[in-house]
Amino acid sequence: MSLNDEERKLLVEFEIEKAHKLLDQFPILENAELWDTLANRVYYAVFHAVTALLIKNGLHAGSHQGVSVLFNKHFIKENLVDEKYGRLLARLENMREKSDYTCLFETTKEEVLPMIPQAKEMISIIENLINSNKDS
């Protein structure tokens, strides 16, 4: 994907905005005890934030797995982001896939609720990385 600077900037903003819209859904889904849907939204909030970081840095992934691979290669292995966030992304993706595609699996409150503060922290760290070098 070839983007000029303005297009890249706008796309990064849209991805972060999407992450925040998903974050806003967390309390509603928690109150409704919709754990599978909450797991889905937590994953996608993180996914959109990571995608924004990749776009900001001129990286393009064509799949969910590609997002994870590029995030780990360029940010975890380079010690820009703690490796626990790479593991969090993988756990969230796995939970989301099982809850979305496996009819015999249901996400539990005990599985998903502890991941929410971690996901919010991860998104904040990613936003700080994006904003630390705003002009590029």
Protein backbone atom coordinates (compact mmCIF):
# COMPACT_ATOMS: atom_id res chain seq x y z
CA MET A 1 0.00 0.00 0.00
CA SER A 2 1.57 3.25 -1.12
CA LEU A 3 0.35 6.27 0.84
CA ASN A 4 1.50 9.85 0.80
CA ASP A 5 2.20 11.55 4.15
CA GLU A 6 -1.26 13.11 4.41
CA GLU A 7 -3.05 9.86 3.59
CA ARG A 8 -0.91 7.99 6.12
CA LYS A 9 -1.65 10.60 8.79
CA LEU A 10 -5.41 10.40 8.15
CA LEU A 11 -5.44 6.62 8.13
CA VAL A 12 -3.55 6.52 11.44
CA GLU A 13 -6.10 8.92 12.93
CA PHE A 14 -9.01 6.80 11.64
CA GLU A 15 -7.50 3.61 13.09
CA ILE A 16 -6.98 5.23 16.51
CA GLU A 17 -10.49 6.69 16.39
CA LYS A 18 -11.84 3.20 15.67
CA ALA A 19 -9.88 1.78 18.62
CA HIS A 20 -11.44 4.40 20.89
CA LYS A 21 -14.95 3.73 19.61
CA LEU A 22 -14.44 0.08 20.47
CA LEU A 23 -13.07 0.99 23.92
CA ASP A 24 -16.29 2.94 24.53
CA GLN A 25 -18.30 -0.26 23.97
CA PHE A 26 -16.57 -2.19 26.76
CA PRO A 27 -18.80 -1.04 29.66
CA ILE A 28 -21.99 -1.65 27.68
CA LEU A 29 -20.96 -5.20 26.79
CA GLU A 30 -19.73 -5.90 30.31
CA ASN A 31 -23.02 -4.72 31.82
CA ALA A 32 -24.91 -6.92 29.36
CA GLU A 33 -22.60 -9.85 30.20
CA LEU A 34 -21.85 -10.40 26.51
CA TRP A 35 -18.43 -11.97 27.07
CA ASP A 36 -17.85 -13.31 23.53
CA THR A 37 -18.72 -9.95 22.03
CA LEU A 38 -16.59 -8.15 24.60
CA ALA A 39 -13.63 -10.40 23.74
CA ASN A 40 -14.16 -9.53 20.08
CA ARG A 41 -14.26 -5.79 20.79
CA VAL A 42 -11.19 -5.91 23.06
CA TYR A 43 -9.22 -7.70 20.35
CA TYR A 44 -10.31 -5.28 17.64
CA ALA A 45 -9.55 -2.21 19.76
CA VAL A 46 -5.97 -3.46 20.15
CA PHE A 47 -5.84 -4.60 16.52
CA HIS A 48 -6.79 -1.13 15.23
CA ALA A 49 -4.25 0.56 17.51
CA VAL A 50 -1.48 -1.79 16.34
CA THR A 51 -2.55 -1.26 12.73
CA ALA A 52 -2.27 2.51 13.26
CA LEU A 53 1.27 2.05 14.57
CA LEU A 54 2.23 -0.06 11.59
CA ILE A 55 0.75 2.45 9.12
CA LYS A 56 2.51 5.31 10.92
CA ASN A 57 5.77 3.48 10.32
CA GLY A 58 5.10 2.66 6.66
CA LEU A 59 4.32 -1.01 7.29
CA HIS A 60 1.42 -2.89 5.73
CA ALA A 61 -0.02 -6.21 6.80
CA GLY A 62 -2.52 -8.06 4.65
CA SER A 63 -3.93 -10.20 7.44
CA HIS A 64 -4.47 -10.44 11.18
CA GLN A 65 -1.47 -12.76 11.40
CA GLY A 66 0.56 -10.25 9.41
CA VAL A 67 -0.28 -7.49 11.88
CA SER A 68 0.98 -9.68 14.71
CA VAL A 69 4.15 -10.67 12.85
CA LEU A 70 5.04 -7.08 11.91
CA PHE A 71 4.25 -5.80 15.42
CA ASN A 72 6.51 -8.41 16.96
CA LYS A 73 9.30 -7.90 14.42
CA HIS A 74 9.40 -4.10 14.42
CA PHE A 75 8.28 -3.15 17.92
CA ILE A 76 8.67 -6.08 20.32
CA LYS A 77 12.02 -7.39 19.05
CA GLU A 78 13.32 -3.81 18.77
CA ASN A 79 12.40 -3.27 22.46
CA LEU A 80 10.05 -0.39 21.64
CA VAL A 81 7.12 -2.26 23.23
CA ASP A 82 7.28 -4.79 26.06
CA GLU A 83 6.93 -8.40 24.91
CA LYS A 84 3.95 -8.89 27.22
CA TYR A 85 1.91 -6.86 24.72
CA GLY A 86 2.85 -9.21 21.91
CA ARG A 87 1.58 -12.07 24.06
CA LEU A 88 -1.57 -10.10 24.88
CA LEU A 89 -2.28 -9.52 21.19
CA ALA A 90 -1.85 -13.25 20.50
CA ARG A 91 -4.12 -14.26 23.43
CA LEU A 92 -6.79 -11.78 22.38
CA GLU A 93 -6.67 -12.95 18.77
CA ASN A 94 -6.96 -16.58 19.85
CA MET A 95 -9.88 -15.82 22.17
CA ARG A 96 -11.62 -13.79 19.48
CA GLU A 97 -11.21 -16.53 16.88
CA LYS A 98 -12.51 -19.24 19.21
CA SER A 99 -15.47 -17.15 20.36
CA ASP A 100 -16.35 -16.07 16.80
CA TYR A 101 -15.91 -19.38 15.00
CA THR A 102 -16.29 -22.22 17.49
CA CYS A 103 -19.84 -22.89 18.58
CA LEU A 104 -18.67 -25.01 21.52
CA PHE A 105 -16.53 -22.22 23.01
CA GLU A 106 -17.84 -19.35 25.10
CA THR A 107 -15.61 -16.68 26.56
CA THR A 108 -16.02 -16.26 30.29
CA LYS A 109 -16.05 -13.15 32.39
CA GLU A 110 -12.95 -14.44 34.20
CA GLU A 111 -11.05 -14.75 30.92
CA VAL A 112 -11.87 -11.42 29.35
CA LEU A 113 -12.15 -8.91 32.20
CA PRO A 114 -8.47 -9.10 33.27
CA MET A 115 -7.45 -8.32 29.70
CA ILE A 116 -9.32 -5.01 29.55
CA PRO A 117 -6.89 -2.92 31.63
CA GLN A 118 -3.98 -4.52 29.78
CA ALA A 119 -5.56 -3.68 26.42
CA LYS A 120 -6.19 -0.08 27.48
CA GLU A 121 -2.60 0.22 28.67
CA MET A 122 -1.32 -1.23 25.40
CA ILE A 123 -3.40 1.20 23.34
CA SER A 124 -2.09 4.11 25.42
CA ILE A 125 1.51 2.97 24.87
CA ILE A 126 0.89 2.67 21.14
CA GLU A 127 -0.64 6.15 21.00
CA ASN A 128 2.40 7.53 22.82
CA LEU A 129 4.68 5.88 20.26
CA ILE A 130 2.65 7.33 17.42
CA ASN A 131 2.62 10.80 18.97
CA SER A 132 6.29 10.77 20.01
CA ASN A 133 7.30 11.38 16.41
CA LYS A 134 4.24 13.27 15.19
CA ASP A 135 5.81 14.92 12.15
CA SER A 136 6.98 11.77 10.38
